[in-house]
Amino acid sequence: MESSTFEFGAHNQGNQIGNNSGNIYFTNSSSQGNNTYDLRKLRELLPCVKNAIFNSNSIESPSFCHPKTRVQVLENIHRWIHGDNRHIFWLKGLAGSGKSTIARTIAQDCSNSQTGCESLWVATFFFSDKVRSADQLVTSIAHQLMTHPPFGEILGETLWRDSGALGILLPDQWMRMIWDPLSKMETKLLTLVIVIDALDECEEQEKLTQFLRRVEENSQAGQVRLRLLVTSRMTVLDYFTRQTSSCALQDIPVHEDIRIFLNNTLKKETVACDKQIDDLVRMSGGLFLWAETARRYITKGPKHTLMKRDRLEEILAGHKDSETIKALDSIYSTVLESPLRDSEKTIEKEKDLKKFRRKVEVCTSIKRLLGDIVVLFSPLSPKSLGGLISQSPNNIRATLQDYRAIIDVPEDDSRSLRMHHACFGEFLFDEQRSGSGKISFHVNSQQAHREMTTHCIRVMREMLRQNICGCASLCAPITEMKEENIASEINYACRHWTKHLRQSKSFTIESADVLSFLKAHFIHWLETMSVLRRISEVVRSIKYLHSFSHAEVTNLIFPIYVIDILKNDLGKCRTIRLST
């Protein structure tokens, strides 16, 4: 989009747009007679969760429907988009049934249809285990829609005149930042498709429900027809008060689609015959997630076809249960127990006791490492994770080598470690599911968060310091302090240590580690979070710590200006300038 400049009346004379802590603000920095702002810069500064957008380059290996699969449900949704039925479509299904893949495919189809045509717009927000807050839901949608000049120009003027729209409730944000600009557009009839995936992953269900019920009231703004596609697991929560178009994936036959998928992957590589494909389809229990995990386990790692066939036979021989959750658990257990089975073969053939013991040690250490990975609030590269938990990147890669079917393990440090499926964490946290096999892989969630809190505090204690960016002057303005100068493990620890503390439940503020860290490094933590433009997160963390600490402890740790922050409106907080 071309950079556009707009001029308004004298009431905003000389204002410039800036951003800090996820909020847009205005500072008087010019004495020129005209008021201008750059629309492209405004869009860049609008708070947006980039990895919640379906085609974001921060998402590694996004999944889309395999060709010639999910035809019925995709056609149903496309008919709904172009028809004049209810403006909300609710796609429901069990974990692993393919809801997110279908939603991403629909978004891609709608996006591709825009080429050379302005009749169909699309915006998306994908909740996940790493994106759980709804705070930037509306602004992220607005950020995407601003690529369309008619909408961008109107919203730009709205934000220029009233930046307070960013600090109001989500339903009101929707009206001010989305609905009103759409209503004011002078355009031919067009359809706006908004895709919101995985509603159940959002931690703020009440806030999300209020937003959805406001959207439920709006079906057409001027010449714009709204189509809202949402997905969630089967749930008792009622997000809407009126009847919506809906589809439950378990009501749509999927076994033939899974057969097509497996035929085009395993059979095409001459790994499986027709009967074996039939057995895999039956064992999948109708879960695409199971089929994809089985396919990845069989084909990723072994280079020779015979080794791939051995892995296929391993799955077919060991697991006959077709119940959906048990089917998914069986493939996870197969992958996790695989290194030990390989060790048993080794000791039988080679009598190599030392190698066998090493494999057993790997199986023990993988449980701790998996726990570290699944509790992360944002993904880290092997190098950054290693810095956080005191392990070498090569050791992390070696430990995870046999688990590529469930974890994406990058070869270098330019990419992050990622679980292929969010529900793998649920499997590990549920002792009845992950602790019932030959080896227990159960991860105690509270204990894992407690250990991660300790890791974060250790890293911050070792690496936080005054002037962490190494500026020439201690009085350097915040604009000269760059986030990239702060190591990823420090970035993560500073942002998320209180979240891990909260999830650990039993690890209290009176803990010697937490208390001594705050006494020694509270100011350094505050400075670093200011450089990261995350002061709003600091305020939430301080309120949490303040909520259950004793008054005398609070007064000892938190200076007067911090208590003042607690009393102020969170939305008014920008950066904190400290001087000693």
Protein backbone atom coordinates (compact mmCIF):
# COMPACT_ATOMS: atom_id res chain seq x y z
CA MET A 1 0.00 0.00 0.00
CA GLU A 2 1.29 3.45 -0.85
CA SER A 3 2.15 5.74 2.03
CA SER A 4 -0.64 8.29 2.43
CA THR A 5 -0.58 11.65 4.24
CA PHE A 6 -3.67 13.41 5.59
CA GLU A 7 -4.29 16.89 6.89
CA PHE A 8 -6.83 17.91 9.53
CA GLY A 9 -7.88 21.00 11.43
CA ALA A 10 -5.83 22.99 13.89
CA HIS A 11 -7.09 21.19 17.00
CA ASN A 12 -4.41 18.50 16.56
CA GLN A 13 -1.68 20.81 15.34
CA GLY A 14 1.81 19.29 15.27
CA ASN A 15 0.85 15.88 16.68
CA GLN A 16 2.96 12.89 15.76
CA ILE A 17 2.15 9.23 16.16
CA GLY A 18 4.22 7.06 18.47
CA ASN A 19 3.91 3.67 20.12
CA ASN A 20 4.87 2.24 23.45
CA SER A 21 3.63 -0.70 25.50
CA GLY A 22 1.25 -1.67 22.73
CA ASN A 23 -0.63 1.66 22.78
CA ILE A 24 -0.70 4.48 20.24
CA TYR A 25 -0.13 7.92 21.71
CA PHE A 26 0.47 11.48 20.51
CA THR A 27 3.20 13.93 21.44
CA ASN A 28 3.51 17.56 20.42
CA SER A 29 6.81 17.72 18.52
CA SER A 30 6.32 20.19 15.70
CA SER A 31 5.37 23.83 15.27
CA GLN A 32 4.31 23.42 11.65
CA GLY A 33 0.96 24.82 10.68
CA ASN A 34 -0.36 21.62 9.05
CA ASN A 35 -1.24 18.41 10.85
CA THR A 36 -0.07 15.30 9.04
CA TYR A 37 0.33 11.64 9.72
CA ASP A 38 1.61 8.72 7.72
CA LEU A 39 -1.07 6.04 7.25
CA ARG A 40 1.47 3.31 6.70
CA LYS A 41 3.30 4.24 9.89
CA LEU A 42 0.01 4.35 11.76
CA ARG A 43 -0.76 0.80 10.62
CA GLU A 44 2.68 -0.40 11.68
CA LEU A 45 2.15 1.07 15.13
CA LEU A 46 -1.36 -0.32 15.60
CA PRO A 47 -1.11 -3.17 18.16
CA CYS A 48 -1.25 -6.48 16.31
CA VAL A 49 -0.52 -10.07 17.31
CA LYS A 50 1.39 -11.09 14.20
CA ASN A 51 1.41 -14.84 14.87
CA ALA A 52 -2.40 -14.80 15.19
CA ILE A 53 -2.70 -14.00 11.46
CA PHE A 54 -3.23 -17.11 9.36
CA ASN A 55 -0.37 -16.50 6.91
CA SER A 56 2.11 -14.78 9.21
CA ASN A 57 5.74 -15.57 8.44
CA SER A 58 6.25 -16.12 12.16
CA ILE A 59 4.21 -19.35 11.87
CA GLU A 60 6.44 -22.23 10.86
CA SER A 61 4.89 -24.94 8.67
CA PRO A 62 1.23 -23.84 8.88
CA SER A 63 -1.18 -26.63 7.98
CA PHE A 64 -3.75 -26.45 5.17
CA CYS A 65 -6.21 -29.07 3.97
CA HIS A 66 -4.63 -31.75 1.80
CA PRO A 67 -5.90 -31.61 -1.81
CA LYS A 68 -9.26 -33.35 -2.34
CA THR A 69 -9.91 -33.69 1.40
CA ARG A 70 -12.52 -31.96 3.57
CA VAL A 71 -14.43 -31.17 0.40
CA GLN A 72 -17.89 -31.29 2.01
CA VAL A 73 -17.19 -28.98 4.93
CA LEU A 74 -15.18 -26.53 2.79
CA GLU A 75 -18.00 -26.32 0.25
CA ASN A 76 -20.54 -25.79 3.04
CA ILE A 77 -18.55 -22.86 4.42
CA HIS A 78 -17.98 -21.30 1.00
CA ARG A 79 -21.73 -21.53 0.26
CA TRP A 80 -22.42 -19.80 3.58
CA ILE A 81 -19.91 -17.02 2.77
CA HIS A 82 -21.50 -16.21 -0.56
CA GLY A 83 -25.10 -16.83 0.49
CA ASP A 84 -27.47 -14.63 2.50
CA ASN A 85 -27.90 -16.88 5.52
CA ARG A 86 -26.95 -16.16 9.12
CA HIS A 87 -23.77 -14.13 9.30
CA ILE A 88 -22.04 -16.37 11.89
CA PHE A 89 -20.76 -19.89 11.22
CA TRP A 90 -19.60 -21.93 14.21
CA LEU A 91 -17.30 -24.87 13.39
CA LYS A 92 -17.03 -27.28 16.32
CA GLY A 93 -15.03 -30.44 16.85
CA LEU A 94 -12.86 -32.53 19.11
CA ALA A 95 -9.19 -31.77 19.68
CA GLY A 96 -7.27 -32.99 16.65
CA SER A 97 -10.27 -33.06 14.32
CA GLY A 98 -8.79 -30.41 11.99
CA LYS A 99 -10.70 -27.24 12.88
CA SER A 100 -7.69 -24.92 12.63
CA THR A 101 -6.55 -26.48 9.37
CA ILE A 102 -10.00 -25.93 7.85
CA ALA A 103 -10.14 -22.35 9.16
CA ARG A 104 -6.69 -21.59 7.73
CA THR A 105 -7.68 -23.09 4.37
CA ILE A 106 -10.83 -20.97 4.21
CA ALA A 107 -8.81 -17.85 5.04
CA GLN A 108 -6.31 -18.71 2.31
CA ASP A 109 -9.09 -19.31 -0.24
CA CYS A 110 -10.69 -15.96 0.59
CA SER A 111 -7.35 -14.18 0.49
CA ASN A 112 -6.46 -15.64 -2.91
CA SER A 113 -9.82 -14.62 -4.36
CA GLN A 114 -8.98 -10.97 -3.69
CA THR A 115 -6.43 -10.81 -6.49
CA GLY A 116 -7.56 -8.02 -8.80
CA CYS A 117 -10.89 -7.79 -6.98
CA GLU A 118 -12.18 -5.84 -3.98
CA SER A 119 -15.38 -7.85 -3.48
CA LEU A 120 -14.02 -10.12 -0.74
CA TRP A 121 -11.89 -9.08 2.24
CA VAL A 122 -10.53 -11.38 4.96
CA ALA A 123 -9.05 -10.85 8.43
CA THR A 124 -8.08 -13.54 10.91
CA PHE A 125 -7.17 -14.11 14.54
CA PHE A 126 -5.95 -17.57 15.57
CA PHE A 127 -5.89 -18.21 19.30
CA SER A 128 -3.43 -20.91 20.37
CA ASP A 129 -1.47 -22.17 23.35
CA LYS A 130 0.84 -19.18 22.74
CA VAL A 131 -1.89 -16.62 21.96
CA ARG A 132 -4.39 -16.64 24.81
CA SER A 133 -5.26 -12.99 25.36
CA ALA A 134 -8.10 -11.20 23.55
CA ASP A 135 -6.74 -7.73 24.37
CA GLN A 136 -5.45 -7.10 20.83
CA LEU A 137 -8.14 -9.04 18.95
CA VAL A 138 -9.88 -5.98 17.49
CA THR A 139 -6.71 -4.01 16.81
CA SER A 140 -5.21 -7.03 15.01
CA ILE A 141 -8.29 -7.26 12.77
CA ALA A 142 -8.12 -3.51 12.13
CA HIS A 143 -4.41 -3.79 11.32
CA GLN A 144 -5.20 -6.30 8.57
CA LEU A 145 -8.11 -4.32 7.16
CA MET A 146 -6.01 -1.16 6.91
CA THR A 147 -4.34 -2.64 3.81
CA HIS A 148 -7.56 -1.61 2.04
CA PRO A 149 -7.35 2.17 1.41
CA PRO A 150 -11.07 3.01 1.90
CA PHE A 151 -11.07 1.44 5.36
CA GLY A 152 -7.56 2.58 6.28
CA GLU A 153 -8.23 6.23 5.51
CA ILE A 154 -11.38 6.35 7.64
CA LEU A 155 -9.85 4.46 10.57
CA GLY A 156 -6.71 6.58 10.32
CA GLU A 157 -8.77 9.73 10.76
CA THR A 158 -10.65 8.14 13.67
CA LEU A 159 -7.46 7.24 15.51
CA TRP A 160 -5.89 10.59 14.76
CA ARG A 161 -8.80 12.41 16.30
CA ASP A 162 -9.36 9.96 19.16
CA SER A 163 -6.55 7.62 20.23
CA GLY A 164 -8.68 6.67 23.25
CA ALA A 165 -10.36 4.02 21.09
CA LEU A 166 -7.45 1.75 21.97
CA GLY A 167 -8.22 1.77 25.68
CA ILE A 168 -11.92 0.92 25.69
CA LEU A 169 -13.75 -2.40 26.06
CA LEU A 170 -13.61 -4.89 23.17
CA PRO A 171 -17.28 -4.52 22.15
CA ASP A 172 -16.88 -0.73 21.99
CA GLN A 173 -13.55 -1.09 20.19
CA TRP A 174 -15.32 -3.22 17.60
CA MET A 175 -17.88 -0.50 16.97
CA ARG A 176 -15.39 2.38 16.94
CA MET A 177 -12.55 0.76 14.99
CA ILE A 178 -14.30 -1.76 12.71
CA TRP A 179 -18.01 -1.22 12.36
CA ASP A 180 -18.13 2.58 12.11
CA PRO A 181 -15.38 2.79 9.45
CA LEU A 182 -17.07 0.01 7.45
CA SER A 183 -20.39 1.87 7.63
CA LYS A 184 -18.81 5.09 6.33
CA MET A 185 -17.13 3.50 3.32
CA GLU A 186 -18.48 4.40 -0.10
CA THR A 187 -17.96 1.20 -2.05
CA LYS A 188 -19.71 -1.41 -4.07
CA LEU A 189 -21.19 -4.41 -2.28
CA LEU A 190 -18.44 -6.47 -0.69
CA THR A 191 -18.14 -9.32 1.82
CA LEU A 192 -15.85 -9.18 4.84
CA VAL A 193 -14.87 -12.61 6.18
CA ILE A 194 -13.45 -12.61 9.71
CA VAL A 195 -12.01 -15.92 10.93
CA ILE A 196 -11.46 -16.38 14.69
CA ASP A 197 -10.00 -19.78 15.48
CA ALA A 198 -9.86 -21.80 18.73
CA LEU A 199 -12.15 -19.73 20.98
CA ASP A 200 -11.56 -22.21 23.79
CA GLU A 201 -7.84 -21.34 23.87
CA CYS A 202 -8.64 -17.79 25.03
CA GLU A 203 -8.03 -17.25 28.75
CA GLU A 204 -10.55 -14.39 28.92
CA GLN A 205 -13.79 -16.16 28.07
CA GLU A 206 -16.09 -13.52 29.58
CA LYS A 207 -14.37 -10.74 27.63
CA LEU A 208 -14.48 -12.83 24.44
CA THR A 209 -18.18 -13.66 24.88
CA GLN A 210 -19.06 -9.97 25.31
CA PHE A 211 -17.20 -9.20 22.09
CA LEU A 212 -18.87 -12.00 20.12
CA ARG A 213 -22.34 -11.00 21.28
CA ARG A 214 -21.72 -7.46 20.07
CA VAL A 215 -20.60 -8.80 16.69
CA GLU A 216 -23.70 -11.00 16.69
CA GLU A 217 -25.80 -7.81 16.52
CA ASN A 218 -24.04 -6.58 13.34
CA SER A 219 -24.58 -8.32 10.02
CA GLN A 220 -24.26 -5.53 7.45
CA ALA A 221 -22.55 -2.12 7.59
CA GLY A 222 -23.51 -0.01 4.61
CA GLN A 223 -22.47 -2.00 1.55
CA VAL A 224 -20.38 -4.45 3.60
CA ARG A 225 -21.77 -7.91 4.41
CA LEU A 226 -20.13 -9.47 7.46
CA ARG A 227 -19.31 -13.18 7.67
CA LEU A 228 -17.81 -14.37 10.97
CA LEU A 229 -16.33 -17.88 11.01
CA VAL A 230 -15.41 -19.12 14.49
CA THR A 231 -14.07 -22.49 15.63
CA SER A 232 -13.92 -24.17 19.01
CA ARG A 233 -13.96 -27.56 20.64
CA MET A 234 -17.26 -29.10 21.61
CA THR A 235 -18.16 -26.98 24.61
CA VAL A 236 -21.01 -26.19 26.95
CA LEU A 237 -20.21 -22.48 26.67
CA ASP A 238 -22.77 -20.55 24.69
CA TYR A 239 -20.98 -17.70 22.96
CA PHE A 240 -24.07 -16.53 21.12
CA THR A 241 -27.65 -15.74 22.10
CA ARG A 242 -29.14 -16.30 18.66
CA GLN A 243 -29.08 -19.31 16.41
CA THR A 244 -26.02 -19.54 14.17
CA SER A 245 -25.06 -21.66 11.22
CA SER A 246 -22.95 -24.43 12.66
CA CYS A 247 -21.17 -27.64 11.84
CA ALA A 248 -19.92 -30.39 14.14
CA LEU A 249 -17.00 -32.12 12.47
CA GLN A 250 -17.74 -35.45 14.13
CA ASP A 251 -21.02 -35.51 12.18
CA ILE A 252 -19.19 -35.42 8.84
CA PRO A 253 -17.61 -38.70 7.61
CA VAL A 254 -13.87 -38.16 7.47
CA HIS A 255 -12.38 -41.63 7.04
CA GLU A 256 -12.25 -41.35 3.26
CA ASP A 257 -10.43 -38.03 3.54
CA ILE A 258 -7.87 -39.63 5.85
CA ARG A 259 -7.49 -42.46 3.35
CA ILE A 260 -6.76 -39.98 0.55
CA PHE A 261 -4.20 -38.23 2.75
CA LEU A 262 -2.41 -41.45 3.71
CA ASN A 263 -2.51 -42.79 0.15
CA ASN A 264 -0.85 -39.63 -1.15
CA THR A 265 1.87 -39.79 1.49
CA LEU A 266 2.62 -43.34 2.70
CA LYS A 267 1.41 -45.39 -0.25
CA LYS A 268 2.98 -43.00 -2.74
CA GLU A 269 6.34 -43.61 -1.07
CA THR A 270 5.73 -47.40 -1.26
CA VAL A 271 5.79 -47.55 2.54
CA ALA A 272 2.27 -48.96 3.04
CA CYS A 273 -0.04 -51.26 1.10
CA ASP A 274 -3.83 -50.93 0.81
CA LYS A 275 -4.55 -53.14 3.83
CA GLN A 276 -2.13 -51.22 6.01
CA ILE A 277 -3.71 -47.96 4.90
CA ASP A 278 -7.12 -49.41 5.85
CA ASP A 279 -5.80 -50.33 9.30
CA LEU A 280 -4.34 -46.87 9.84
CA VAL A 281 -7.60 -45.22 8.79
CA ARG A 282 -9.50 -47.37 11.28
CA MET A 283 -7.01 -46.70 14.06
CA SER A 284 -7.15 -42.93 13.50
CA GLY A 285 -10.60 -42.81 15.03
CA GLY A 286 -11.52 -40.02 12.61
CA LEU A 287 -8.73 -37.72 13.85
CA PHE A 288 -6.64 -36.05 11.18
CA LEU A 289 -4.21 -35.16 13.94
CA TRP A 290 -3.58 -38.85 14.60
CA ALA A 291 -3.07 -39.58 10.91
CA GLU A 292 -0.67 -36.66 10.48
CA THR A 293 1.31 -37.62 13.60
CA ALA A 294 1.54 -41.24 12.42
CA ARG A 295 2.64 -40.10 8.97
CA ARG A 296 5.30 -37.83 10.43
CA TYR A 297 6.59 -40.55 12.80
CA ILE A 298 6.88 -43.05 9.97
CA THR A 299 8.49 -40.81 7.37
CA LYS A 300 10.50 -38.24 9.33
CA GLY A 301 13.86 -39.51 10.55
CA PRO A 302 14.38 -42.87 8.82
CA LYS A 303 16.04 -42.41 5.43
CA HIS A 304 15.49 -45.91 4.09
CA THR A 305 12.12 -47.36 3.10
CA LEU A 306 12.71 -50.52 5.17
CA MET A 307 13.18 -48.45 8.33
CA LYS A 308 9.99 -46.56 7.56
CA ARG A 309 8.14 -49.85 7.15
CA ASP A 310 9.48 -51.01 10.52
CA ARG A 311 7.97 -47.94 12.14
CA LEU A 312 4.68 -48.56 10.36
CA GLU A 313 4.59 -52.14 11.65
CA GLU A 314 5.38 -50.83 15.12
CA ILE A 315 2.24 -48.68 15.07
CA LEU A 316 0.05 -51.38 13.55
CA ALA A 317 1.20 -54.06 15.98
CA GLY A 318 0.95 -52.09 19.16
CA HIS A 319 -2.32 -50.21 19.03
CA LYS A 320 -5.75 -51.53 18.11
CA ASP A 321 -8.05 -49.12 20.00
CA SER A 322 -10.11 -46.85 17.74
CA GLU A 323 -11.58 -44.55 20.39
CA THR A 324 -10.60 -41.01 19.47
CA ILE A 325 -8.70 -39.88 22.56
CA LYS A 326 -7.11 -43.27 23.11
CA ALA A 327 -6.14 -43.35 19.44
CA LEU A 328 -4.36 -40.03 19.80
CA ASP A 329 -2.72 -41.12 23.06
CA SER A 330 -1.53 -44.34 21.47
CA ILE A 331 0.42 -42.55 18.75
CA TYR A 332 1.96 -40.15 21.29
CA SER A 333 3.00 -43.12 23.46
CA THR A 334 4.45 -44.91 20.44
CA VAL A 335 6.62 -41.92 19.56
CA LEU A 336 7.72 -41.28 23.16
CA GLU A 337 8.58 -44.90 23.93
CA SER A 338 10.39 -45.49 20.64
CA PRO A 339 13.94 -44.70 21.89
CA LEU A 340 13.62 -47.29 24.66
CA ARG A 341 12.42 -49.96 22.25
CA ASP A 342 15.39 -49.18 20.02
CA SER A 343 17.64 -49.61 23.07
CA GLU A 344 16.15 -53.02 23.86
CA LYS A 345 16.91 -54.14 20.30
CA THR A 346 20.45 -52.80 20.63
CA ILE A 347 21.18 -54.63 23.86
CA GLU A 348 19.82 -57.88 22.43
CA LYS A 349 21.88 -57.63 19.26
CA GLU A 350 25.05 -55.96 20.52
CA LYS A 351 25.00 -56.53 24.31
CA ASP A 352 26.00 -52.88 24.55
CA LEU A 353 25.06 -52.13 28.15
CA LYS A 354 26.66 -48.68 28.16
CA LYS A 355 24.68 -47.59 25.11
CA PHE A 356 21.50 -49.02 26.62
CA ARG A 357 21.99 -47.06 29.84
CA ARG A 358 22.58 -43.91 27.82
CA LYS A 359 19.27 -44.44 26.02
CA VAL A 360 17.48 -44.90 29.33
CA GLU A 361 19.01 -41.63 30.53
CA VAL A 362 17.72 -39.90 27.39
CA CYS A 363 14.22 -41.24 28.07
CA THR A 364 14.43 -39.85 31.60
CA SER A 365 15.76 -36.45 30.52
CA ILE A 366 13.21 -36.08 27.73
CA LYS A 367 10.43 -35.88 30.32
CA ARG A 368 12.02 -32.85 31.98
CA LEU A 369 12.84 -31.20 28.64
CA LEU A 370 9.32 -31.77 27.30
CA GLY A 371 7.97 -30.19 30.46
CA ASP A 372 10.17 -27.13 29.88
CA ILE A 373 8.93 -26.81 26.29
CA VAL A 374 5.20 -27.29 26.83
CA VAL A 375 4.96 -24.70 29.61
CA LEU A 376 6.66 -21.94 27.59
CA PHE A 377 4.40 -18.94 26.94
CA SER A 378 6.23 -18.17 23.68
CA PRO A 379 8.51 -20.46 21.63
CA LEU A 380 12.29 -20.25 21.87
CA SER A 381 15.13 -21.46 19.66
CA PRO A 382 17.35 -24.30 20.95
CA LYS A 383 20.03 -21.72 21.78
CA SER A 384 17.66 -19.45 23.71
CA LEU A 385 16.01 -22.34 25.54
CA GLY A 386 19.44 -23.71 26.36
CA GLY A 387 20.44 -20.37 27.86
CA LEU A 388 17.27 -20.37 29.93
CA ILE A 389 17.53 -23.91 31.33
CA SER A 390 21.35 -24.24 31.32
CA GLN A 391 21.70 -26.78 28.53
CA SER A 392 23.68 -26.65 25.31
CA PRO A 393 21.68 -26.27 22.07
CA ASN A 394 23.32 -29.39 20.66
CA ASN A 395 22.28 -31.40 23.70
CA ILE A 396 18.69 -30.20 23.30
CA ARG A 397 18.67 -31.18 19.63
CA ALA A 398 20.18 -34.57 20.41
CA THR A 399 17.63 -35.26 23.14
CA LEU A 400 14.74 -34.33 20.83
CA GLN A 401 16.12 -36.11 17.76
CA ASP A 402 13.74 -39.08 18.09
CA TYR A 403 10.72 -36.87 18.76
CA ARG A 404 10.42 -34.90 15.53
CA ALA A 405 6.99 -36.43 14.94
CA ILE A 406 5.61 -34.31 17.77
CA ILE A 407 8.12 -31.43 18.01
CA ASP A 408 9.57 -29.33 15.21
CA VAL A 409 13.31 -29.33 15.96
CA PRO A 410 15.18 -26.74 13.86
CA GLU A 411 18.69 -27.45 12.64
CA ASP A 412 19.88 -23.93 13.48
CA ASP A 413 18.97 -21.13 15.87
CA SER A 414 17.10 -18.95 13.39
CA ARG A 415 13.89 -20.86 14.15
CA SER A 416 12.08 -21.86 17.32
CA LEU A 417 11.24 -25.23 18.81
CA ARG A 418 7.53 -25.84 18.37
CA MET A 419 5.05 -28.55 19.25
CA HIS A 420 3.20 -29.70 16.16
CA HIS A 421 -0.04 -29.94 18.16
CA ALA A 422 -1.26 -27.84 21.08
CA CYS A 423 -3.08 -30.81 22.60
CA PHE A 424 0.21 -32.67 23.13
CA GLY A 425 0.67 -30.56 26.25
CA GLU A 426 -2.72 -31.70 27.52
CA PHE A 427 -1.60 -35.31 27.02
CA LEU A 428 1.55 -34.76 29.10
CA PHE A 429 -0.29 -32.93 31.89
CA ASP A 430 -2.97 -35.65 32.25
CA GLU A 431 -1.50 -38.48 34.33
CA GLN A 432 -4.20 -40.94 33.32
CA ARG A 433 -3.29 -40.44 29.66
CA SER A 434 0.50 -40.07 29.70
CA GLY A 435 1.28 -42.16 32.78
CA SER A 436 -0.43 -45.40 31.79
CA GLY A 437 2.15 -46.77 29.33
CA LYS A 438 5.31 -48.79 29.89
CA ILE A 439 7.03 -45.56 30.82
CA SER A 440 5.31 -42.63 32.48
CA PHE A 441 5.75 -39.38 30.58
CA HIS A 442 3.40 -37.48 32.86
CA VAL A 443 4.51 -33.88 33.50
CA ASN A 444 3.29 -32.17 36.66
CA SER A 445 2.18 -28.79 35.34
CA GLN A 446 2.66 -26.89 38.61
CA GLN A 447 6.09 -28.40 39.17
CA ALA A 448 7.15 -27.58 35.60
CA HIS A 449 6.05 -23.95 36.02
CA ARG A 450 7.83 -23.81 39.37
CA GLU A 451 11.07 -25.00 37.79
CA MET A 452 10.67 -22.55 34.91
CA THR A 453 10.17 -19.72 37.40
CA THR A 454 13.49 -20.71 38.99
CA HIS A 455 15.19 -20.76 35.57
CA CYS A 456 13.84 -17.28 34.74
CA ILE A 457 14.96 -15.79 38.06
CA ARG A 458 18.42 -17.33 37.72
CA VAL A 459 18.87 -15.89 34.21
CA MET A 460 17.66 -12.45 35.27
CA ARG A 461 19.86 -12.48 38.37
CA GLU A 462 22.90 -13.36 36.25
CA MET A 463 22.31 -11.04 33.29
CA LEU A 464 20.22 -8.03 34.29
CA ARG A 465 22.17 -4.86 34.93
CA GLN A 466 21.88 -1.10 34.65
CA ASN A 467 22.10 0.17 31.06
CA ILE A 468 21.56 -3.32 29.67
CA CYS A 469 21.71 -2.04 26.07
CA GLY A 470 25.17 -0.57 26.62
CA CYS A 471 24.27 2.98 25.58
CA ALA A 472 27.05 5.57 25.67
CA SER A 473 25.09 7.63 28.18
CA LEU A 474 22.94 6.54 31.10
CA CYS A 475 20.59 9.37 30.11
CA ALA A 476 20.04 8.04 26.59
CA PRO A 477 16.40 8.30 25.44
CA ILE A 478 14.35 5.14 25.21
CA THR A 479 14.27 5.42 21.40
CA GLU A 480 18.01 4.67 21.29
CA MET A 481 17.59 1.44 23.25
CA LYS A 482 16.94 -1.45 20.85
CA GLU A 483 15.15 -4.67 21.76
CA GLU A 484 17.53 -6.72 19.61
CA ASN A 485 20.36 -5.84 22.02
CA ILE A 486 18.66 -7.96 24.68
CA ALA A 487 19.26 -11.72 24.53
CA SER A 488 16.17 -13.83 23.81
CA GLU A 489 16.40 -15.73 27.09
CA ILE A 490 16.51 -12.44 29.03
CA ASN A 491 13.59 -11.13 26.97
CA TYR A 492 11.58 -14.27 27.77
CA ALA A 493 12.51 -14.38 31.47
CA CYS A 494 11.64 -10.71 32.06
CA ARG A 495 8.29 -10.98 30.31
CA HIS A 496 7.05 -14.30 31.64
CA TRP A 497 8.54 -15.09 35.07
CA THR A 498 5.51 -13.85 36.99
CA LYS A 499 3.19 -15.85 34.69
CA HIS A 500 5.11 -19.02 35.55
CA LEU A 501 5.02 -17.99 39.22
CA ARG A 502 1.24 -17.65 39.02
CA GLN A 503 0.83 -21.05 37.32
CA SER A 504 3.06 -22.78 39.88
CA LYS A 505 0.44 -21.84 42.52
CA SER A 506 2.52 -23.00 45.51
CA PHE A 507 5.60 -20.85 44.81
CA THR A 508 4.94 -17.70 46.84
CA ILE A 509 6.38 -14.22 47.04
CA GLU A 510 7.97 -15.12 50.38
CA SER A 511 10.29 -17.56 48.59
CA ALA A 512 13.87 -16.51 49.26
CA ASP A 513 14.75 -16.60 45.56
CA VAL A 514 11.93 -14.29 44.48
CA LEU A 515 12.38 -11.89 47.36
CA SER A 516 16.15 -11.57 47.00
CA PHE A 517 15.85 -11.13 43.23
CA LEU A 518 13.37 -8.28 43.59
CA LYS A 519 15.48 -6.56 46.21
CA ALA A 520 18.58 -6.67 44.00
CA HIS A 521 17.20 -6.32 40.48
CA PHE A 522 13.74 -4.79 40.52
CA ILE A 523 14.95 -1.53 38.93
CA HIS A 524 16.96 -3.44 36.30
CA TRP A 525 13.90 -5.53 35.43
CA LEU A 526 11.83 -2.38 35.13
CA GLU A 527 14.40 -0.78 32.82
CA THR A 528 14.60 -3.85 30.60
CA MET A 529 10.82 -4.12 30.26
CA SER A 530 10.73 -0.45 29.30
CA VAL A 531 13.26 -1.14 26.53
CA LEU A 532 11.05 -4.07 25.41
CA ARG A 533 8.05 -1.68 25.34
CA ARG A 534 6.27 -3.96 27.83
CA ILE A 535 5.53 -1.61 30.71
CA SER A 536 1.83 -2.53 30.65
CA GLU A 537 2.89 -6.12 31.46
CA VAL A 538 4.99 -4.82 34.35
CA VAL A 539 1.94 -3.13 35.84
CA ARG A 540 -0.03 -6.38 35.69
CA SER A 541 2.89 -8.28 37.24
CA ILE A 542 3.28 -5.74 40.05
CA LYS A 543 -0.43 -5.90 40.81
CA TYR A 544 -0.21 -9.69 40.98
CA LEU A 545 2.83 -9.67 43.27
CA HIS A 546 1.29 -6.93 45.39
CA SER A 547 -1.96 -8.86 45.74
CA PHE A 548 -0.57 -11.66 47.89
CA SER A 549 2.55 -10.21 49.50
CA HIS A 550 2.68 -8.81 53.01
CA ALA A 551 2.58 -5.03 53.32
CA GLU A 552 6.01 -4.81 54.90
CA VAL A 553 7.50 -6.92 52.10
CA THR A 554 5.78 -4.77 49.46
CA ASN A 555 7.12 -1.56 50.95
CA LEU A 556 10.60 -3.03 51.11
CA ILE A 557 10.61 -4.07 47.44
CA PHE A 558 8.47 -1.55 45.62
CA PRO A 559 9.42 2.14 45.77
CA ILE A 560 6.78 4.86 46.08
CA TYR A 561 6.55 5.47 42.31
CA VAL A 562 5.62 1.81 41.78
CA ILE A 563 2.71 2.09 44.21
CA ASP A 564 1.65 5.17 42.26
CA ILE A 565 1.56 3.04 39.11
CA LEU A 566 -0.81 0.63 40.88
CA LYS A 567 -3.20 3.49 41.56
CA ASN A 568 -3.20 4.80 37.98
CA ASP A 569 -5.15 3.60 34.98
CA LEU A 570 -3.25 0.82 33.22
CA GLY A 571 -4.00 2.32 29.82
CA LYS A 572 -2.21 5.58 30.73
CA CYS A 573 1.12 3.87 31.41
CA ARG A 574 3.81 4.39 28.75
CA THR A 575 7.46 4.20 29.84
CA ILE A 576 9.08 4.76 33.17
CA ARG A 577 12.11 7.02 33.35
CA LEU A 578 14.31 6.28 36.33
CA SER A 579 17.11 8.38 37.73
CA THR A 580 19.40 7.73 40.66
